[in-house]
Amino acid sequence: MQKTCTHCGNIFEITNEDLAFYDKVSPVFQGKKYQVPPPTHCPECRQQRRVAQANQITLHERTCDLTGATIISNHRSDSPFKVYQQSVWFSDQWDPMEYGRDFDFNRSFFDQLKELSFVVPRYAVQRGYDFDENADYTNYAGKNKNCYLIFDSDHCRDCYYSYSINSCESCMESYRLRQCELCYECIDCVDCYNCAFTQDSENCSESTFLKNCIGCKHCLMCSNLRNKEYYVENKPVTKEQFAQFRSLLSSYSRLQNARERFDKLKIEYPQKFMHGTQNENVIGDYLTNCKNVEQCFDCSDLWDCKYAYQAFDPLKDVMDIQECGEAERLYEDAFVGYNAHNVLFTTHTLGQISDIYYSSHSPYNKNLFGCIGLRHKEFCVLNKQYSKDDYEILVARIIEHMQKTNEWGEFFPIDFSLFPYNETMAQDYFPLTQEEAQKQGLWWAEKEESIYKGQIVKEGLPDDVRDFPETLCEKILQCKKTGRSYKIIPQELILYRQLNLPLPRLCFQERHRNRMLLRNARVFYDRTCDKCGVKFKTTYAPDRPEKIYCESCYQTSFA
């Protein structure tokens, strides 16, 4: 079945397998199944709606609206709703049921849910504060110690300025690392130690500027190597030659020249058509240990899933999700998981949930419809308590009402977001100008609220990290590209000196986006293997300069 997206006008496909999935997740109330209809938006527009609900990396200083305490939050001080610090939000100092209301069948469901959404208080950031130690400046993170500006990250220690790193120690400026230590500007790496500017590599150490390497040590400017030591530009060198080359990188200007050299060098080597291992029957990228998966990215341990992005724990039978894990039968959800079952059209709800519909920020619940901020509740609609029978009767009537208003089956409209569009994940994957966003009725942050207070240093930074005065850690620096404020913290300076690398000239947000640009976009192309001619789908665009190999040819050539 072909459909036209009601948002962007593009044609997209609904398969028989998709229809079977919608039937599987359709809920039953009062003995009647309420069929989930096929989506009206294309996969890309559906993803845009979900990621527009989250601001992960932009933090602000504001006050808690209940205690008056100064707190760090991803909600701006001018947000049109109350924001509580986490310890208060999860306490008994307020009751989300006080905001409960009756459903009005003369109005649309989304209008009523939006009204509720903007009166129920929200927590300041999303992190495991009960398990954290000295990790106030983190978000979408948990069980971290001595960490600063890390996001979508767990079980880390002494890590800074990174995104989606897990079980790492003393790592900085990195993106999607697992079990790494003392790494800097590394992307999609596992089990690496003392590496810098390394991408798509595993079990490497004491190396700089690597791409697609495994088991390498003391290597520089290398790609597609396996179990090598003392190599520069894929050629063997002496220990003394390697040390001489590596010592040059403490200078910012020389490091930039090395970056440019490596960018040209690495495209001379063939690449595998997708990033991932131990997969069976998958179409996607950056996948591990997945089976029967289609159009999924940055996930592991998926089974029978489609349109899943950044799953953090195993998933089975899900479609159209963003950052969910340890769950089954999810559809159109974002940031949902930890023993979750039968959850539809819900966001930011983690922990022991089942049979939840159109709700948000409501952990440890079951049988909710259109609720916000509830905890340990059952049989509630719009934050109001009902008996089991009354709940089922009312929900059935609401769904029938939503079918008439064409709301049933749709995720939250994009303007439900609690954040300015240009502070959300959507701006990273679906960028808009201020004019485009405001034309769609979306909130836009015209003025930045910085967490850094103090005098901005205008003079340039020293070229070499060894010439950087420690007193400058007390000053505020200015990003040379965006003008945003940023600073160098003392722990960060220690790591730069330990790694013998120069200091950044850009703010964290710009550094983060530059790392994202080094990864393939979430777009598929039809290509053929440049060695054997077999056809496949890949995220490498046909006009890219690299040679792209199928799995078999790549393993044969570089195993």
Protein backbone atom coordinates (compact mmCIF):
# COMPACT_ATOMS: atom_id res chain seq x y z
CA MET A 1 0.00 0.00 0.00
CA GLN A 2 1.34 3.43 -0.94
CA LYS A 3 0.41 6.52 1.05
CA THR A 4 1.15 10.23 0.79
CA CYS A 5 2.59 11.85 3.90
CA THR A 6 0.19 14.50 5.17
CA HIS A 7 3.10 16.55 6.47
CA CYS A 8 5.76 16.59 3.74
CA GLY A 9 3.86 15.15 0.77
CA ASN A 10 6.32 12.32 0.11
CA ILE A 11 5.13 8.85 -0.93
CA PHE A 12 5.82 6.02 1.52
CA GLU A 13 5.04 2.32 1.68
CA ILE A 14 2.85 0.36 4.12
CA THR A 15 3.58 -3.38 3.84
CA ASN A 16 1.42 -6.36 4.79
CA GLU A 17 3.87 -6.99 7.63
CA ASP A 18 3.25 -3.44 8.87
CA LEU A 19 -0.51 -3.99 8.85
CA ALA A 20 -0.07 -7.23 10.80
CA PHE A 21 1.97 -5.36 13.41
CA TYR A 22 -0.66 -2.62 13.79
CA ASP A 23 -3.24 -5.35 14.34
CA LYS A 24 -1.03 -7.07 16.94
CA VAL A 25 -0.64 -3.94 19.08
CA SER A 26 -4.28 -2.77 18.76
CA PRO A 27 -5.81 -2.61 22.27
CA VAL A 28 -9.01 -4.28 23.42
CA PHE A 29 -11.53 -2.52 25.65
CA GLN A 30 -14.87 -3.94 26.69
CA GLY A 31 -14.22 -6.95 24.47
CA LYS A 32 -13.77 -4.82 21.32
CA LYS A 33 -10.47 -4.35 19.46
CA TYR A 34 -9.68 -0.76 18.55
CA GLN A 35 -7.61 -1.10 15.41
CA VAL A 36 -4.48 1.03 15.20
CA PRO A 37 -4.68 2.58 11.72
CA PRO A 38 -1.77 2.89 9.27
CA PRO A 39 0.27 6.08 9.85
CA THR A 40 -0.50 9.28 8.00
CA HIS A 41 3.11 10.51 8.22
CA CYS A 42 6.13 9.04 6.42
CA PRO A 43 8.84 7.36 8.57
CA GLU A 44 11.03 10.48 8.56
CA CYS A 45 8.24 12.80 9.68
CA ARG A 46 7.20 10.31 12.35
CA GLN A 47 10.76 10.29 13.65
CA GLN A 48 10.88 14.08 13.60
CA ARG A 49 7.80 14.28 15.84
CA ARG A 50 9.41 11.95 18.38
CA VAL A 51 12.86 13.54 18.57
CA ALA A 52 11.27 16.99 18.83
CA GLN A 53 10.10 15.93 22.31
CA ALA A 54 13.62 15.84 23.76
CA ASN A 55 16.34 18.36 24.61
CA GLN A 56 19.30 16.24 25.63
CA ILE A 57 22.38 18.45 25.46
CA THR A 58 21.42 22.08 26.14
CA LEU A 59 21.34 22.88 29.86
CA HIS A 60 20.22 26.04 31.63
CA GLU A 61 20.45 27.47 35.12
CA ARG A 62 17.05 28.22 36.65
CA THR A 63 15.13 27.88 39.93
CA CYS A 64 12.97 25.04 41.17
CA ASP A 65 9.39 26.29 41.09
CA LEU A 66 8.52 24.57 44.36
CA THR A 67 11.59 25.12 46.57
CA GLY A 68 13.21 28.16 44.94
CA ALA A 69 16.57 26.39 44.84
CA THR A 70 18.97 27.11 41.97
CA ILE A 71 19.09 24.05 39.71
CA ILE A 72 20.46 22.87 36.37
CA SER A 73 17.78 21.91 33.89
CA ASN A 74 17.18 21.27 30.21
CA HIS A 75 14.11 23.49 30.60
CA ARG A 76 14.70 27.22 30.12
CA SER A 77 13.72 29.71 32.78
CA ASP A 78 11.04 31.09 30.45
CA SER A 79 9.36 27.71 29.94
CA PRO A 80 5.55 28.09 30.26
CA PHE A 81 5.18 25.41 32.97
CA LYS A 82 6.54 24.57 36.39
CA VAL A 83 9.85 22.73 36.74
CA TYR A 84 10.89 20.88 39.92
CA GLN A 85 14.28 19.48 40.84
CA GLN A 86 14.25 15.69 40.56
CA SER A 87 14.30 14.88 44.28
CA VAL A 88 11.23 17.10 44.73
CA TRP A 89 9.40 15.85 41.63
CA PHE A 90 9.66 12.22 42.78
CA SER A 91 8.66 13.09 46.37
CA ASP A 92 5.30 13.37 48.13
CA GLN A 93 5.54 17.18 48.27
CA TRP A 94 3.04 17.47 45.41
CA ASP A 95 0.27 15.35 43.94
CA PRO A 96 -0.10 15.03 40.13
CA MET A 97 -3.69 13.78 40.65
CA GLU A 98 -4.64 17.31 41.71
CA TYR A 99 -4.48 18.25 38.02
CA GLY A 100 -7.01 15.57 37.02
CA ARG A 101 -9.98 16.56 34.87
CA ASP A 102 -13.00 15.10 33.10
CA PHE A 103 -12.88 14.36 29.39
CA ASP A 104 -14.92 16.78 27.25
CA PHE A 105 -16.41 15.02 24.22
CA ASN A 106 -17.12 18.39 22.60
CA ARG A 107 -13.38 19.03 22.20
CA SER A 108 -10.50 17.25 20.56
CA PHE A 109 -8.40 14.88 22.65
CA PHE A 110 -5.10 16.58 21.81
CA ASP A 111 -6.40 20.01 22.84
CA GLN A 112 -7.30 18.67 26.27
CA LEU A 113 -4.05 16.72 26.64
CA LYS A 114 -2.03 19.80 25.69
CA GLU A 115 -3.77 21.85 28.38
CA LEU A 116 -2.88 19.18 30.95
CA SER A 117 0.66 18.99 29.59
CA PHE A 118 1.36 22.64 30.31
CA VAL A 119 0.11 22.68 33.91
CA VAL A 120 1.62 19.50 35.35
CA PRO A 121 5.13 20.21 36.73
CA ARG A 122 8.11 18.58 35.00
CA TYR A 123 11.38 17.33 36.43
CA ALA A 124 14.48 19.40 35.78
CA VAL A 125 16.59 16.79 33.97
CA GLN A 126 16.33 13.10 33.22
CA ARG A 127 19.06 11.27 35.08
CA GLY A 128 19.50 8.62 37.77
CA TYR A 129 20.11 11.12 40.55
CA ASP A 130 19.78 8.47 43.28
CA PHE A 131 22.70 6.56 41.77
CA ASP A 132 24.86 9.50 40.60
CA GLU A 133 27.79 11.06 42.39
CA ASN A 134 29.01 14.51 41.39
CA ALA A 135 27.18 14.37 38.06
CA ASP A 136 24.75 17.29 38.22
CA TYR A 137 25.63 18.54 34.73
CA THR A 138 24.36 15.44 32.92
CA ASN A 139 21.07 14.54 31.23
CA TYR A 140 19.43 11.36 29.93
CA ALA A 141 22.09 9.61 31.97
CA GLY A 142 22.53 7.56 35.12
CA LYS A 143 24.87 5.76 37.51
CA ASN A 144 27.75 8.13 36.69
CA LYS A 145 30.48 9.52 38.95
CA ASN A 146 32.51 12.71 38.55
CA CYS A 147 31.10 13.41 35.08
CA TYR A 148 30.40 16.72 33.38
CA LEU A 149 28.31 17.40 30.27
CA ILE A 150 27.80 13.81 29.25
CA PHE A 151 24.45 12.83 27.78
CA ASP A 152 22.60 9.63 26.93
CA SER A 153 25.30 7.88 28.97
CA ASP A 154 25.46 5.43 31.87
CA HIS A 155 27.94 3.74 34.22
CA CYS A 156 30.77 6.21 33.49
CA ARG A 157 33.45 7.75 35.68
CA ASP A 158 35.52 10.91 35.19
CA CYS A 159 34.12 11.53 31.71
CA TYR A 160 33.37 14.87 30.05
CA TYR A 161 31.72 16.40 26.99
CA SER A 162 30.45 13.18 25.42
CA TYR A 163 27.30 11.60 24.05
CA SER A 164 26.08 8.01 24.35
CA ILE A 165 29.09 6.54 26.17
CA ASN A 166 28.66 3.59 28.52
CA SER A 167 30.92 1.94 31.09
CA CYS A 168 33.76 4.33 30.24
CA GLU A 169 36.44 5.97 32.37
CA SER A 170 38.44 9.16 31.79
CA CYS A 171 37.02 9.69 28.31
CA MET A 172 36.30 13.04 26.73
CA GLU A 173 34.78 14.53 23.57
CA SER A 174 33.45 11.21 22.30
CA TYR A 175 30.34 9.71 20.69
CA ARG A 176 29.00 6.16 21.27
CA LEU A 177 31.77 4.41 23.17
CA ARG A 178 31.57 1.18 25.14
CA GLN A 179 34.05 0.10 27.82
CA CYS A 180 36.76 2.56 26.84
CA GLU A 181 39.33 4.38 28.96
CA LEU A 182 41.41 7.51 28.43
CA CYS A 183 39.96 8.17 24.98
CA TYR A 184 39.53 11.52 23.27
CA GLU A 185 37.47 12.39 20.16
CA CYS A 186 36.60 8.76 19.54
CA ILE A 187 33.44 7.63 17.73
CA ASP A 188 31.78 4.20 17.71
CA CYS A 189 34.59 2.40 19.51
CA VAL A 190 34.64 -0.55 21.93
CA ASP A 191 37.31 -1.64 24.43
CA CYS A 192 39.86 1.01 23.46
CA TYR A 193 42.52 2.54 25.70
CA ASN A 194 44.43 5.82 25.35
CA CYS A 195 43.22 6.52 21.82
CA ALA A 196 42.37 9.79 20.10
CA PHE A 197 40.55 10.66 16.88
CA THR A 198 39.62 7.01 16.42
CA GLN A 199 36.45 5.77 14.72
CA ASP A 200 34.73 2.41 14.19
CA SER A 201 37.51 0.55 16.00
CA GLU A 202 37.78 -2.15 18.64
CA ASN A 203 40.37 -3.27 21.18
CA CYS A 204 42.95 -0.65 20.14
CA SER A 205 45.37 1.21 22.40
CA GLU A 206 47.99 3.98 22.44
CA SER A 207 46.89 5.10 18.97
CA THR A 208 45.71 8.25 17.18
CA PHE A 209 43.72 8.78 13.97
CA LEU A 210 42.38 5.27 13.31
CA LYS A 211 39.44 4.10 11.19
CA ASN A 212 38.08 0.54 11.11
CA CYS A 213 40.94 -0.98 13.09
CA ILE A 214 40.90 -3.99 15.44
CA GLY A 215 43.54 -5.02 17.95
CA CYS A 216 46.03 -2.30 16.99
CA LYS A 217 48.58 -0.66 19.28
CA HIS A 218 50.87 2.34 18.73
CA CYS A 219 49.36 3.15 15.33
CA LEU A 220 48.86 6.54 13.72
CA MET A 221 46.91 7.61 10.62
CA CYS A 222 45.80 4.04 9.83
CA SER A 223 42.70 2.36 8.42
CA ASN A 224 41.47 -1.25 8.13
CA LEU A 225 44.40 -2.71 10.06
CA ARG A 226 44.16 -5.88 12.16
CA ASN A 227 46.48 -6.66 15.09
CA LYS A 228 49.32 -4.34 14.08
CA GLU A 229 51.80 -2.37 16.18
CA TYR A 230 53.93 0.67 15.31
CA TYR A 231 52.32 1.63 12.02
CA VAL A 232 51.96 5.10 10.48
CA GLU A 233 49.77 5.56 7.41
CA ASN A 234 49.43 1.75 7.21
CA LYS A 235 53.20 1.27 6.97
CA PRO A 236 55.49 -0.17 9.68
CA VAL A 237 57.76 2.26 11.56
CA THR A 238 60.18 2.02 14.46
CA LYS A 239 59.16 2.81 18.03
CA GLU A 240 61.26 6.00 17.87
CA GLN A 241 59.66 7.14 14.60
CA PHE A 242 56.17 6.61 16.02
CA ALA A 243 56.99 8.63 19.16
CA GLN A 244 58.33 11.46 17.02
CA PHE A 245 55.20 11.62 14.85
CA ARG A 246 52.86 11.45 17.85
CA SER A 247 54.63 14.22 19.79
CA LEU A 248 53.79 16.75 17.07
CA LEU A 249 50.06 16.65 17.92
CA SER A 250 50.26 18.80 21.07
CA SER A 251 50.07 21.86 18.80
CA TYR A 252 46.60 23.00 17.73
CA SER A 253 47.77 24.14 14.29
CA ARG A 254 49.69 20.91 13.61
CA LEU A 255 46.74 18.86 14.84
CA GLN A 256 44.41 20.60 12.39
CA ASN A 257 46.83 19.77 9.57
CA ALA A 258 46.86 16.15 10.72
CA ARG A 259 43.04 16.06 10.70
CA GLU A 260 42.98 17.26 7.12
CA ARG A 261 45.62 14.72 6.12
CA PHE A 262 43.71 11.85 7.75
CA ASP A 263 40.38 12.91 6.16
CA LYS A 264 42.00 12.44 2.76
CA LEU A 265 43.88 9.30 3.70
CA LYS A 266 41.02 7.26 5.13
CA ILE A 267 38.83 7.47 2.01
CA GLU A 268 41.54 5.62 0.08
CA TYR A 269 40.56 2.42 1.94
CA PRO A 270 37.40 0.37 1.22
CA GLN A 271 34.55 0.48 3.73
CA LYS A 272 32.04 -2.21 4.70
CA PHE A 273 28.53 -1.45 3.45
CA MET A 274 27.16 -1.16 7.02
CA HIS A 275 28.51 -0.67 10.53
CA GLY A 276 27.71 -3.67 12.70
CA THR A 277 28.41 -7.25 13.72
CA GLN A 278 26.49 -10.44 14.54
CA ASN A 279 23.36 -9.49 12.63
CA GLU A 280 20.89 -11.65 10.69
CA ASN A 281 18.43 -10.35 8.09
CA VAL A 282 18.83 -6.66 8.85
CA ILE A 283 18.59 -3.38 6.95
CA GLY A 284 20.11 -0.59 8.98
CA ASP A 285 23.35 0.84 10.28
CA TYR A 286 25.34 0.78 13.52
CA LEU A 287 23.62 -2.46 14.60
CA THR A 288 24.85 -5.33 16.77
CA ASN A 289 23.28 -8.69 17.55
CA CYS A 290 20.01 -7.96 15.73
CA LYS A 291 17.63 -10.27 13.86
CA ASN A 292 14.78 -9.50 11.44
CA VAL A 293 15.29 -5.75 11.62
CA GLU A 294 14.45 -3.10 9.04
CA GLN A 295 15.47 0.56 8.91
CA CYS A 296 16.95 0.69 12.40
CA PHE A 297 19.97 2.65 13.59
CA ASP A 298 22.30 2.71 16.59
CA CYS A 299 20.76 -0.33 18.27
CA SER A 300 21.70 -3.72 19.67
CA ASP A 301 19.71 -6.81 20.63
CA LEU A 302 16.67 -6.14 18.45
CA TRP A 303 14.31 -8.87 17.28
CA ASP A 304 11.49 -8.25 14.80
CA CYS A 305 11.75 -4.45 14.88
CA LYS A 306 11.30 -1.64 12.37
CA TYR A 307 12.12 2.08 12.51
CA ALA A 308 13.95 1.85 15.85
CA TYR A 309 16.58 4.42 16.80
CA GLN A 310 19.13 4.32 19.65
CA ALA A 311 17.64 1.42 21.59
CA PHE A 312 19.49 1.14 24.90
CA ASP A 313 18.39 -2.41 25.88
CA PRO A 314 16.79 -5.42 24.12
CA LEU A 315 13.57 -4.88 22.19
CA LYS A 316 11.11 -7.27 20.57
CA ASP A 317 8.13 -6.52 18.32
CA VAL A 318 8.43 -2.73 18.20
CA MET A 319 7.98 -0.13 15.50
CA ASP A 320 8.63 3.60 15.36
CA ILE A 321 10.52 4.18 18.59
CA GLN A 322 13.26 6.52 19.83
CA GLU A 323 15.58 5.45 22.66
CA CYS A 324 13.56 2.62 24.17
CA GLY A 325 14.78 -0.61 25.74
CA GLU A 326 13.90 -3.74 27.68
CA ALA A 327 10.44 -3.81 26.18
CA GLU A 328 7.96 -5.60 23.91
CA ARG A 329 5.11 -4.42 21.72
CA LEU A 330 5.84 -0.72 21.53
CA TYR A 331 4.57 1.59 18.82
CA GLU A 332 5.23 5.32 18.33
CA ASP A 333 7.07 5.78 21.62
CA ALA A 334 10.06 7.83 22.72
CA PHE A 335 12.27 7.29 25.80
CA VAL A 336 10.25 4.36 27.12
CA GLY A 337 11.45 1.14 28.73
CA TYR A 338 12.74 -0.90 31.67
CA ASN A 339 10.19 -3.72 31.68
CA ALA A 340 7.65 -2.05 29.39
CA HIS A 341 4.87 -3.91 27.59
CA ASN A 342 2.01 -2.79 25.35
CA VAL A 343 2.85 0.91 25.31
CA LEU A 344 1.59 3.14 22.50
CA PHE A 345 1.99 6.87 21.75
CA THR A 346 3.92 7.58 24.95
CA THR A 347 7.10 9.43 25.85
CA HIS A 348 9.59 9.79 28.74
CA THR A 349 8.25 6.93 30.82
CA LEU A 350 10.80 4.49 32.23
CA GLY A 351 10.20 1.70 34.73
CA GLN A 352 7.63 -1.11 35.12
CA ILE A 353 4.87 0.04 32.78
CA SER A 354 2.21 -1.77 30.77
CA ASP A 355 -0.89 -0.90 28.76
CA ILE A 356 -0.09 2.82 28.65
CA TYR A 357 -1.49 5.08 25.93
CA TYR A 358 -0.90 8.76 25.09
CA SER A 359 0.94 9.48 28.33
CA SER A 360 4.27 10.96 29.41
CA HIS A 361 6.57 11.17 32.44
CA SER A 362 4.58 8.43 34.19
CA PRO A 363 6.79 5.59 35.49
CA TYR A 364 5.59 2.55 37.46
CA ASN A 365 2.02 2.54 36.15
CA LYS A 366 -0.35 0.42 34.13
CA ASN A 367 -3.63 1.08 32.35
CA LEU A 368 -3.30 4.82 31.78
CA PHE A 369 -4.73 6.94 28.98
CA GLY A 370 -3.71 10.56 28.47
CA CYS A 371 -1.88 10.98 31.78
CA ILE A 372 1.15 13.06 32.76
CA GLY A 373 3.39 12.84 35.81
CA LEU A 374 1.66 9.92 37.56
CA ARG A 375 3.50 7.30 39.61
CA HIS A 376 2.25 3.93 40.88
CA LYS A 377 -1.28 4.41 39.53
CA GLU A 378 -3.75 2.36 37.51
CA PHE A 379 -6.97 3.04 35.58
CA CYS A 380 -6.52 6.79 35.15
CA VAL A 381 -7.57 9.16 32.33
CA LEU A 382 -6.30 12.74 32.19
CA ASN A 383 -4.86 12.25 35.71
CA LYS A 384 -8.25 11.29 37.15
CA GLN A 385 -8.89 7.97 38.92
CA TYR A 386 -11.58 5.50 37.74
CA SER A 387 -12.64 1.97 38.56
CA LYS A 388 -11.54 -0.76 36.14
CA ASP A 389 -14.94 -1.01 34.46
CA ASP A 390 -15.42 2.76 34.24
CA TYR A 391 -11.91 3.14 32.87
CA GLU A 392 -12.51 0.69 30.04
CA ILE A 393 -15.89 2.20 29.17
CA LEU A 394 -14.46 5.74 29.10
CA VAL A 395 -11.33 4.83 27.12
CA ALA A 396 -13.45 3.02 24.53
CA ARG A 397 -15.60 6.14 24.11
CA ILE A 398 -12.52 8.38 23.88
CA ILE A 399 -10.95 6.23 21.16
CA GLU A 400 -14.21 6.27 19.17
CA HIS A 401 -14.22 10.05 19.57
CA MET A 402 -10.60 10.23 18.40
CA GLN A 403 -11.42 8.08 15.38
CA LYS A 404 -13.96 10.70 14.33
CA THR A 405 -11.47 13.57 14.83
CA ASN A 406 -8.66 11.63 13.06
CA GLU A 407 -6.51 11.67 16.20
CA TRP A 408 -6.45 7.95 17.03
CA GLY A 409 -3.19 6.41 15.85
CA GLU A 410 -1.25 9.69 15.75
CA PHE A 411 1.70 10.49 18.00
CA PHE A 412 1.74 13.79 19.91
CA PRO A 413 1.72 16.74 17.50
CA ILE A 414 5.16 18.29 17.18
CA ASP A 415 4.03 21.50 18.91
CA PHE A 416 3.47 19.48 22.11
CA SER A 417 7.19 19.69 22.75
CA LEU A 418 8.29 21.21 26.04
CA PHE A 419 11.40 22.65 24.39
CA PRO A 420 12.31 25.19 21.68
CA TYR A 421 12.75 23.30 18.40
CA ASN A 422 16.34 24.50 18.00
CA GLU A 423 17.27 22.95 21.38
CA THR A 424 15.79 19.54 20.58
CA MET A 425 17.24 16.46 18.90
CA ALA A 426 15.05 17.28 15.91
CA GLN A 427 17.31 20.19 15.00
CA ASP A 428 20.21 17.74 14.67
CA TYR A 429 18.41 15.34 12.33
CA PHE A 430 15.79 17.60 10.73
CA PRO A 431 17.22 21.13 10.87
CA LEU A 432 14.92 24.11 10.35
CA THR A 433 15.55 27.83 10.17
CA GLN A 434 13.86 30.07 12.70
CA GLU A 435 11.42 31.22 10.00
CA GLU A 436 10.56 27.65 8.98
CA ALA A 437 10.01 26.58 12.58
CA GLN A 438 7.84 29.54 13.48
CA LYS A 439 5.80 29.09 10.30
CA GLN A 440 4.87 25.65 11.65
CA GLY A 441 3.93 27.17 15.01
CA LEU A 442 6.97 25.78 16.81
CA TRP A 443 8.71 27.36 19.78
CA TRP A 444 12.14 28.83 18.93
CA ALA A 445 14.75 30.06 21.41
CA GLU A 446 15.89 33.42 20.06
CA LYS A 447 18.19 34.15 22.99
CA GLU A 448 20.55 31.66 24.59
CA GLU A 449 20.52 31.19 28.34
CA SER A 450 24.01 30.08 29.29
CA ILE A 451 24.96 28.05 32.36
CA TYR A 452 28.26 29.95 32.38
CA LYS A 453 28.48 33.26 34.17
CA GLY A 454 31.51 35.54 34.07
CA GLN A 455 33.82 37.60 31.91
CA ILE A 456 34.45 36.27 28.40
CA VAL A 457 38.11 36.01 27.41
CA LYS A 458 38.58 37.58 23.97
CA GLU A 459 42.24 36.77 23.33
CA GLY A 460 43.18 33.61 21.48
CA LEU A 461 44.21 30.43 23.27
CA PRO A 462 47.81 29.22 23.30
CA ASP A 463 48.69 26.91 20.41
CA ASP A 464 50.20 24.25 22.67
CA VAL A 465 48.44 22.74 25.71
CA ARG A 466 51.66 23.07 27.73
CA ASP A 467 51.40 26.86 27.46
CA PHE A 468 47.85 27.05 28.83
CA PRO A 469 47.73 28.83 32.23
CA GLU A 470 45.62 27.08 34.87
CA THR A 471 44.08 30.42 35.87
CA LEU A 472 42.21 30.48 32.56
CA CYS A 473 39.99 27.67 33.90
CA GLU A 474 38.29 30.41 35.89
CA LYS A 475 37.42 32.36 32.76
CA ILE A 476 34.64 32.02 30.19
CA LEU A 477 35.65 31.31 26.59
CA GLN A 478 33.74 32.07 23.41
CA CYS A 479 33.17 29.61 20.57
CA LYS A 480 34.91 30.93 17.48
CA LYS A 481 32.09 29.67 15.24
CA THR A 482 28.80 30.18 17.13
CA GLY A 483 29.75 32.76 19.77
CA ARG A 484 28.40 30.47 22.54
CA SER A 485 30.07 30.56 25.94
CA TYR A 486 32.11 27.59 27.11
CA LYS A 487 34.88 26.91 29.59
CA ILE A 488 37.74 24.56 30.40
CA ILE A 489 37.30 22.80 33.74
CA PRO A 490 40.39 21.80 35.77
CA GLN A 491 39.76 18.05 35.37
CA GLU A 492 39.55 18.57 31.62
CA LEU A 493 42.87 20.41 31.50
CA ILE A 494 44.53 17.53 33.35
CA LEU A 495 43.29 15.09 30.73
CA TYR A 496 44.44 17.28 27.84
CA ARG A 497 47.92 17.41 29.34
CA GLN A 498 47.90 13.68 30.00
CA LEU A 499 46.91 13.00 26.38
CA ASN A 500 49.29 15.72 25.11
CA LEU A 501 46.55 17.31 23.00
CA PRO A 502 45.58 20.97 22.47
CA LEU A 503 42.46 22.66 23.80
CA PRO A 504 39.21 23.08 21.81
CA ARG A 505 38.25 26.36 20.17
CA LEU A 506 34.57 25.46 19.78
CA CYS A 507 31.73 25.07 22.31
CA PHE A 508 30.45 21.62 23.25
CA GLN A 509 27.33 21.80 21.08
CA GLU A 510 29.40 22.59 17.98
CA ARG A 511 31.94 19.90 18.78
CA HIS A 512 29.11 17.41 19.26
CA ARG A 513 27.57 18.26 15.89
CA ASN A 514 30.95 17.96 14.17
CA ARG A 515 31.25 14.44 15.56
CA MET A 516 27.78 13.60 14.26
CA LEU A 517 28.86 14.70 10.78
CA LEU A 518 31.62 12.07 10.81
CA ARG A 519 28.96 9.34 10.98
CA ASN A 520 26.71 8.30 8.10
CA ALA A 521 23.29 9.93 7.89
CA ARG A 522 20.18 7.82 8.45
CA VAL A 523 19.39 7.58 4.74
CA PHE A 524 19.51 4.44 2.58
CA TYR A 525 20.82 4.11 -0.96
CA ASP A 526 20.88 1.21 -3.41
CA ARG A 527 24.46 0.30 -4.29
CA THR A 528 26.54 -2.61 -5.49
CA CYS A 529 29.73 -4.01 -4.01
CA ASP A 530 32.73 -2.39 -5.68
CA LYS A 531 34.51 -5.76 -5.67
CA CYS A 532 31.97 -8.49 -6.51
CA GLY A 533 28.92 -6.52 -7.73
CA VAL A 534 26.36 -7.88 -5.23
CA LYS A 535 23.48 -5.46 -4.49
CA PHE A 536 22.69 -4.05 -1.07
CA LYS A 537 21.20 -1.07 0.77
CA THR A 538 23.69 1.19 2.49
CA THR A 539 24.01 4.59 4.12
CA TYR A 540 26.99 5.38 1.88
CA ALA A 541 25.67 7.70 -0.86
CA PRO A 542 26.60 6.68 -4.42
CA ASP A 543 28.57 9.88 -4.99
CA ARG A 544 30.89 9.31 -2.00
CA PRO A 545 34.52 8.67 -2.93
CA GLU A 546 35.06 5.51 -0.86
CA LYS A 547 34.92 2.03 -2.32
CA ILE A 548 32.14 0.09 -0.59
CA TYR A 549 32.37 -3.68 -0.09
CA CYS A 550 29.77 -6.24 0.89
CA GLU A 551 30.27 -8.17 4.14
CA SER A 552 31.96 -11.14 2.46
CA CYS A 553 34.41 -9.10 0.38
CA TYR A 554 35.30 -6.83 3.29
CA GLN A 555 36.00 -9.71 5.66
CA THR A 556 38.02 -11.55 3.02
CA SER A 557 40.12 -8.48 2.32
CA PHE A 558 40.81 -7.30 5.87
CA ALA A 559 40.14 -10.14 8.29
